[in-house]
Amino acid sequence: MKRVMILGQPGSGKSTLARQVGAAMDLPVVHVDHIHWMSGWVERPKDEKIAMALAEQAKPEWVFEGGLADTKDDRLNRADTLIVIELPYSLRMWRVIKRTLRHYGRTRPDLPDGCPEQVSLEFWRWIWDTRHTAREANRNWAAKARALGKAVFVLASRRDVRAFVNGLDLVAQSRQ
């Protein structure tokens, strides 16, 4: 595992898993929200986002978590591993609410400086509106990755995620 792509819907644990994979495999972590947003929750211009993502994806090693549809094909072609996190909607929403309360008014590590956690009914509505389409899209990405011969992991429960992370620890220990 040298180039790992992580997909999942909001609250699925992409950022946390990316940090765990990065630490276990000694890989740099790229959070798509650092590319998508500028300080003050200002969306970065599309051409800049694409250029930044492609520059990160061109590097020899990375864990890249999040979407950015305009560069997903390139990212998947460069990746050797795709991880899709498919946790239930109710658990994901609970996690989004918890992280909002825990970090309210402060910037989370997976967000750029100047983007404090806030209550956003628009964001929560988007999670609701895309709960089926995003899951289907991620399944399509997994099928595409398999067809390209990539290692694919679909993690559908907290138990799956824990088992995956425990497996990473074993892989990392065997490399030492």
C-alpha atoms as a PDB file:
ATOM      1  CA  MET A   1       0.000   0.000   0.000  1.00  0.00           C
ATOM      2  CA  LYS A   2       1.624   3.175  -1.250  1.00  0.00           C
ATOM      3  CA  ARG A   3      -1.292   5.140  -2.727  1.00  0.00           C
ATOM      4  CA  VAL A   4      -4.572   4.673  -0.888  1.00  0.00           C
ATOM      5  CA  MET A   5      -7.876   6.246  -1.932  1.00  0.00           C
ATOM      6  CA  ILE A   6     -10.613   6.416   0.730  1.00  0.00           C
ATOM      7  CA  LEU A   7     -14.242   7.106  -0.144  1.00  0.00           C
ATOM      8  CA  GLY A   8     -17.280   7.319   2.092  1.00  0.00           C
ATOM      9  CA  GLN A   9     -20.176   9.538   2.933  1.00  0.00           C
ATOM     10  CA  PRO A  10     -20.010  12.235   5.636  1.00  0.00           C
ATOM     11  CA  GLY A  11     -19.604  10.819   9.119  1.00  0.00           C
ATOM     12  CA  SER A  12     -18.297   7.481   7.858  1.00  0.00           C
ATOM     13  CA  GLY A  13     -14.849   8.021   9.372  1.00  0.00           C
ATOM     14  CA  LYS A  14     -12.786   8.766   6.257  1.00  0.00           C
ATOM     15  CA  SER A  15     -10.533  11.286   7.980  1.00  0.00           C
ATOM     16  CA  THR A  16      -9.949   9.115  11.023  1.00  0.00           C
ATOM     17  CA  LEU A  17      -9.196   6.050   8.918  1.00  0.00           C
ATOM     18  CA  ALA A  18      -6.889   8.091   6.667  1.00  0.00           C
ATOM     19  CA  ARG A  19      -4.866   9.205   9.690  1.00  0.00           C
ATOM     20  CA  GLN A  20      -4.707   5.610  10.969  1.00  0.00           C
ATOM     21  CA  VAL A  21      -3.601   4.228   7.591  1.00  0.00           C
ATOM     22  CA  GLY A  22      -1.078   7.038   7.207  1.00  0.00           C
ATOM     23  CA  ALA A  23       0.401   6.416  10.650  1.00  0.00           C
ATOM     24  CA  ALA A  24       0.534   2.631  10.267  1.00  0.00           C
ATOM     25  CA  MET A  25       2.009   2.678   6.759  1.00  0.00           C
ATOM     26  CA  ASP A  26       4.098   5.871   7.170  1.00  0.00           C
ATOM     27  CA  LEU A  27       2.249   7.630   4.342  1.00  0.00           C
ATOM     28  CA  PRO A  28       1.314  11.311   4.004  1.00  0.00           C
ATOM     29  CA  VAL A  29      -2.407  12.040   4.352  1.00  0.00           C
ATOM     30  CA  VAL A  30      -4.359  14.352   2.050  1.00  0.00           C
ATOM     31  CA  HIS A  31      -7.785  15.567   3.203  1.00  0.00           C
ATOM     32  CA  VAL A  32      -9.895  16.727   0.250  1.00  0.00           C
ATOM     33  CA  ASP A  33     -11.472  19.413   2.447  1.00  0.00           C
ATOM     34  CA  HIS A  34      -8.061  21.143   2.618  1.00  0.00           C
ATOM     35  CA  ILE A  35      -8.216  21.358  -1.159  1.00  0.00           C
ATOM     36  CA  HIS A  36     -11.912  22.190  -1.471  1.00  0.00           C
ATOM     37  CA  TRP A  37     -12.142  24.949   1.167  1.00  0.00           C
ATOM     38  CA  MET A  38     -10.218  28.105   1.927  1.00  0.00           C
ATOM     39  CA  SER A  39     -10.378  29.988   5.224  1.00  0.00           C
ATOM     40  CA  GLY A  40     -13.845  31.236   6.114  1.00  0.00           C
ATOM     41  CA  TRP A  41     -15.613  28.343   4.378  1.00  0.00           C
ATOM     42  CA  VAL A  42     -14.898  29.902   0.992  1.00  0.00           C
ATOM     43  CA  GLU A  43     -14.917  27.325  -1.780  1.00  0.00           C
ATOM     44  CA  ARG A  44     -11.665  27.308  -3.730  1.00  0.00           C
ATOM     45  CA  PRO A  45     -12.020  27.982  -7.485  1.00  0.00           C
ATOM     46  CA  LYS A  46     -12.475  24.760  -9.462  1.00  0.00           C
ATOM     47  CA  ASP A  47      -9.300  25.087 -11.532  1.00  0.00           C
ATOM     48  CA  GLU A  48      -7.228  25.574  -8.365  1.00  0.00           C
ATOM     49  CA  LYS A  49      -8.838  22.560  -6.682  1.00  0.00           C
ATOM     50  CA  ILE A  50      -8.099  20.374  -9.685  1.00  0.00           C
ATOM     51  CA  ALA A  51      -4.482  21.557  -9.921  1.00  0.00           C
ATOM     52  CA  MET A  52      -3.901  21.013  -6.187  1.00  0.00           C
ATOM     53  CA  ALA A  53      -5.449  17.537  -6.215  1.00  0.00           C
ATOM     54  CA  LEU A  54      -3.527  16.448  -9.312  1.00  0.00           C
ATOM     55  CA  ALA A  55      -0.268  17.687  -7.759  1.00  0.00           C
ATOM     56  CA  GLU A  56      -0.929  15.596  -4.625  1.00  0.00           C
ATOM     57  CA  GLN A  57      -1.998  12.583  -6.674  1.00  0.00           C
ATOM     58  CA  ALA A  58       1.202  12.771  -8.760  1.00  0.00           C
ATOM     59  CA  LYS A  59       3.307  12.140  -5.665  1.00  0.00           C
ATOM     60  CA  PRO A  60       4.670   8.616  -5.151  1.00  0.00           C
ATOM     61  CA  GLU A  61       2.893   7.941  -1.845  1.00  0.00           C
ATOM     62  CA  TRP A  62      -0.325   9.142  -0.222  1.00  0.00           C
ATOM     63  CA  VAL A  63      -3.535   8.400   1.563  1.00  0.00           C
ATOM     64  CA  PHE A  64      -6.159  10.589  -0.108  1.00  0.00           C
ATOM     65  CA  GLU A  65      -9.539  10.802   1.600  1.00  0.00           C
ATOM     66  CA  GLY A  66     -12.622  12.347   0.120  1.00  0.00           C
ATOM     67  CA  GLY A  67     -14.289  13.016  -3.173  1.00  0.00           C
ATOM     68  CA  LEU A  68     -13.498  15.770  -5.680  1.00  0.00           C
ATOM     69  CA  ALA A  69     -15.158  14.170  -8.681  1.00  0.00           C
ATOM     70  CA  ASP A  70     -13.040  16.019 -11.253  1.00  0.00           C
ATOM     71  CA  THR A  71      -9.885  14.145 -10.210  1.00  0.00           C
ATOM     72  CA  LYS A  72     -11.287  10.787  -9.069  1.00  0.00           C
ATOM     73  CA  ASP A  73     -10.467   8.936 -12.293  1.00  0.00           C
ATOM     74  CA  ASP A  74      -6.830  10.047 -12.183  1.00  0.00           C
ATOM     75  CA  ARG A  75      -6.644   9.248  -8.465  1.00  0.00           C
ATOM     76  CA  LEU A  76      -8.065   5.768  -8.959  1.00  0.00           C
ATOM     77  CA  ASN A  77      -5.683   5.085 -11.841  1.00  0.00           C
ATOM     78  CA  ARG A  78      -2.731   6.075  -9.622  1.00  0.00           C
ATOM     79  CA  ALA A  79      -4.009   4.340  -6.481  1.00  0.00           C
ATOM     80  CA  ASP A  80      -3.025   0.796  -5.606  1.00  0.00           C
ATOM     81  CA  THR A  81      -5.760   0.495  -2.961  1.00  0.00           C
ATOM     82  CA  LEU A  82      -9.338   1.716  -2.654  1.00  0.00           C
ATOM     83  CA  ILE A  83     -11.159   1.690   0.668  1.00  0.00           C
ATOM     84  CA  VAL A  84     -14.896   2.380   0.688  1.00  0.00           C
ATOM     85  CA  ILE A  85     -16.563   2.954   4.049  1.00  0.00           C
ATOM     86  CA  GLU A  86     -20.291   2.131   3.945  1.00  0.00           C
ATOM     87  CA  LEU A  87     -21.659   2.698   7.418  1.00  0.00           C
ATOM     88  CA  PRO A  88     -25.413   3.017   8.046  1.00  0.00           C
ATOM     89  CA  TYR A  89     -27.023   6.432   7.641  1.00  0.00           C
ATOM     90  CA  SER A  90     -28.172   6.639  11.283  1.00  0.00           C
ATOM     91  CA  LEU A  91     -24.652   6.003  12.594  1.00  0.00           C
ATOM     92  CA  ARG A  92     -23.147   8.530  10.203  1.00  0.00           C
ATOM     93  CA  MET A  93     -25.642  11.218  11.186  1.00  0.00           C
ATOM     94  CA  TRP A  94     -25.008  10.539  14.864  1.00  0.00           C
ATOM     95  CA  ARG A  95     -21.283  10.956  14.225  1.00  0.00           C
ATOM     96  CA  VAL A  96     -21.808  14.232  12.344  1.00  0.00           C
ATOM     97  CA  ILE A  97     -23.908  15.580  15.213  1.00  0.00           C
ATOM     98  CA  LYS A  98     -21.318  14.457  17.794  1.00  0.00           C
ATOM     99  CA  ARG A  99     -18.387  15.984  15.922  1.00  0.00           C
ATOM    100  CA  THR A 100     -20.342  19.204  15.404  1.00  0.00           C
ATOM    101  CA  LEU A 101     -20.965  19.479  19.134  1.00  0.00           C
ATOM    102  CA  ARG A 102     -17.425  18.391  20.074  1.00  0.00           C
ATOM    103  CA  HIS A 103     -15.658  20.796  17.716  1.00  0.00           C
ATOM    104  CA  TYR A 104     -18.252  23.587  17.490  1.00  0.00           C
ATOM    105  CA  GLY A 105     -16.518  26.913  16.866  1.00  0.00           C
ATOM    106  CA  ARG A 106     -13.106  25.256  16.372  1.00  0.00           C
ATOM    107  CA  THR A 107     -11.419  23.906  13.270  1.00  0.00           C
ATOM    108  CA  ARG A 108     -11.100  20.122  13.005  1.00  0.00           C
ATOM    109  CA  PRO A 109      -7.722  18.698  11.842  1.00  0.00           C
ATOM    110  CA  ASP A 110      -9.213  17.595   8.515  1.00  0.00           C
ATOM    111  CA  LEU A 111     -10.354  21.148   7.685  1.00  0.00           C
ATOM    112  CA  PRO A 112      -8.256  24.172   6.729  1.00  0.00           C
ATOM    113  CA  ASP A 113      -7.570  26.905   9.278  1.00  0.00           C
ATOM    114  CA  GLY A 114     -10.404  29.386   9.548  1.00  0.00           C
ATOM    115  CA  CYS A 115     -13.170  26.837   8.929  1.00  0.00           C
ATOM    116  CA  PRO A 116     -14.653  26.337  12.378  1.00  0.00           C
ATOM    117  CA  GLU A 117     -17.196  23.582  12.910  1.00  0.00           C
ATOM    118  CA  GLN A 118     -20.715  24.943  12.636  1.00  0.00           C
ATOM    119  CA  VAL A 119     -24.325  23.825  12.511  1.00  0.00           C
ATOM    120  CA  SER A 120     -25.277  23.599   8.866  1.00  0.00           C
ATOM    121  CA  LEU A 121     -28.779  22.464   8.034  1.00  0.00           C
ATOM    122  CA  GLU A 122     -27.800  22.687   4.358  1.00  0.00           C
ATOM    123  CA  PHE A 123     -24.996  20.152   4.950  1.00  0.00           C
ATOM    124  CA  TRP A 124     -27.261  17.814   6.904  1.00  0.00           C
ATOM    125  CA  ARG A 125     -29.899  18.026   4.163  1.00  0.00           C
ATOM    126  CA  TRP A 126     -27.231  17.200   1.572  1.00  0.00           C
ATOM    127  CA  ILE A 127     -26.274  14.102   3.603  1.00  0.00           C
ATOM    128  CA  TRP A 128     -29.945  13.050   3.579  1.00  0.00           C
ATOM    129  CA  ASP A 129     -30.461  13.827  -0.108  1.00  0.00           C
ATOM    130  CA  THR A 130     -27.368  11.903  -1.240  1.00  0.00           C
ATOM    131  CA  ARG A 131     -27.613   8.914   1.123  1.00  0.00           C
ATOM    132  CA  HIS A 132     -28.599   6.499  -1.680  1.00  0.00           C
ATOM    133  CA  THR A 133     -26.908   8.036  -4.714  1.00  0.00           C
ATOM    134  CA  ALA A 134     -23.545   8.454  -2.973  1.00  0.00           C
ATOM    135  CA  ARG A 135     -23.589   4.852  -1.743  1.00  0.00           C
ATOM    136  CA  GLU A 136     -24.322   3.629  -5.264  1.00  0.00           C
ATOM    137  CA  ALA A 137     -21.584   5.849  -6.704  1.00  0.00           C
ATOM    138  CA  ASN A 138     -19.045   4.494  -4.202  1.00  0.00           C
ATOM    139  CA  ARG A 139     -20.041   0.927  -5.089  1.00  0.00           C
ATOM    140  CA  ASN A 140     -19.470   1.783  -8.744  1.00  0.00           C
ATOM    141  CA  TRP A 141     -16.007   3.111  -7.874  1.00  0.00           C
ATOM    142  CA  ALA A 142     -15.270  -0.157  -6.061  1.00  0.00           C
ATOM    143  CA  ALA A 143     -16.347  -2.172  -9.113  1.00  0.00           C
ATOM    144  CA  LYS A 144     -14.191   0.012 -11.360  1.00  0.00           C
ATOM    145  CA  ALA A 145     -11.210  -0.410  -9.016  1.00  0.00           C
ATOM    146  CA  ARG A 146     -11.622  -4.201  -9.039  1.00  0.00           C
ATOM    147  CA  ALA A 147     -11.740  -4.169 -12.846  1.00  0.00           C
ATOM    148  CA  LEU A 148      -8.449  -2.221 -12.822  1.00  0.00           C
ATOM    149  CA  GLY A 149      -6.863  -4.825 -10.526  1.00  0.00           C
ATOM    150  CA  LYS A 150      -6.686  -2.587  -7.470  1.00  0.00           C
ATOM    151  CA  ALA A 151      -6.926  -3.901  -3.921  1.00  0.00           C
ATOM    152  CA  VAL A 152     -10.454  -3.032  -2.766  1.00  0.00           C
ATOM    153  CA  PHE A 153     -11.784  -3.016   0.782  1.00  0.00           C
ATOM    154  CA  VAL A 154     -15.447  -2.275   1.489  1.00  0.00           C
ATOM    155  CA  LEU A 155     -15.930  -1.662   5.202  1.00  0.00           C
ATOM    156  CA  ALA A 156     -19.619  -1.916   6.091  1.00  0.00           C
ATOM    157  CA  SER A 157     -19.505  -1.807   9.899  1.00  0.00           C
ATOM    158  CA  ARG A 158     -17.461  -0.475  12.793  1.00  0.00           C
ATOM    159  CA  ARG A 159     -16.238  -4.051  13.271  1.00  0.00           C
ATOM    160  CA  ASP A 160     -14.978  -4.124   9.659  1.00  0.00           C
ATOM    161  CA  VAL A 161     -13.112  -0.862  10.220  1.00  0.00           C
ATOM    162  CA  ARG A 162     -11.525  -2.118  13.464  1.00  0.00           C
ATOM    163  CA  ALA A 163     -10.467  -5.392  11.808  1.00  0.00           C
ATOM    164  CA  PHE A 164      -8.957  -3.462   8.893  1.00  0.00           C
ATOM    165  CA  VAL A 165      -7.002  -1.151  11.209  1.00  0.00           C
ATOM    166  CA  ASN A 166      -5.802  -4.116  13.308  1.00  0.00           C
ATOM    167  CA  GLY A 167      -4.622  -5.746  10.089  1.00  0.00           C
ATOM    168  CA  LEU A 168      -2.672  -2.599   9.221  1.00  0.00           C
ATOM    169  CA  ASP A 169      -0.905  -2.798  12.550  1.00  0.00           C
ATOM    170  CA  LEU A 170       0.174  -6.361  11.721  1.00  0.00           C
ATOM    171  CA  VAL A 171       1.393  -5.340   8.257  1.00  0.00           C
ATOM    172  CA  ALA A 172       3.335  -2.403   9.730  1.00  0.00           C
ATOM    173  CA  GLN A 173       4.919  -4.631  12.388  1.00  0.00           C
ATOM    174  CA  SER A 174       5.995  -7.171   9.765  1.00  0.00           C
ATOM    175  CA  ARG A 175       7.757  -4.402   7.787  1.00  0.00           C
ATOM    176  CA  GLN A 176       9.950  -3.430  10.757  1.00  0.00           C
END
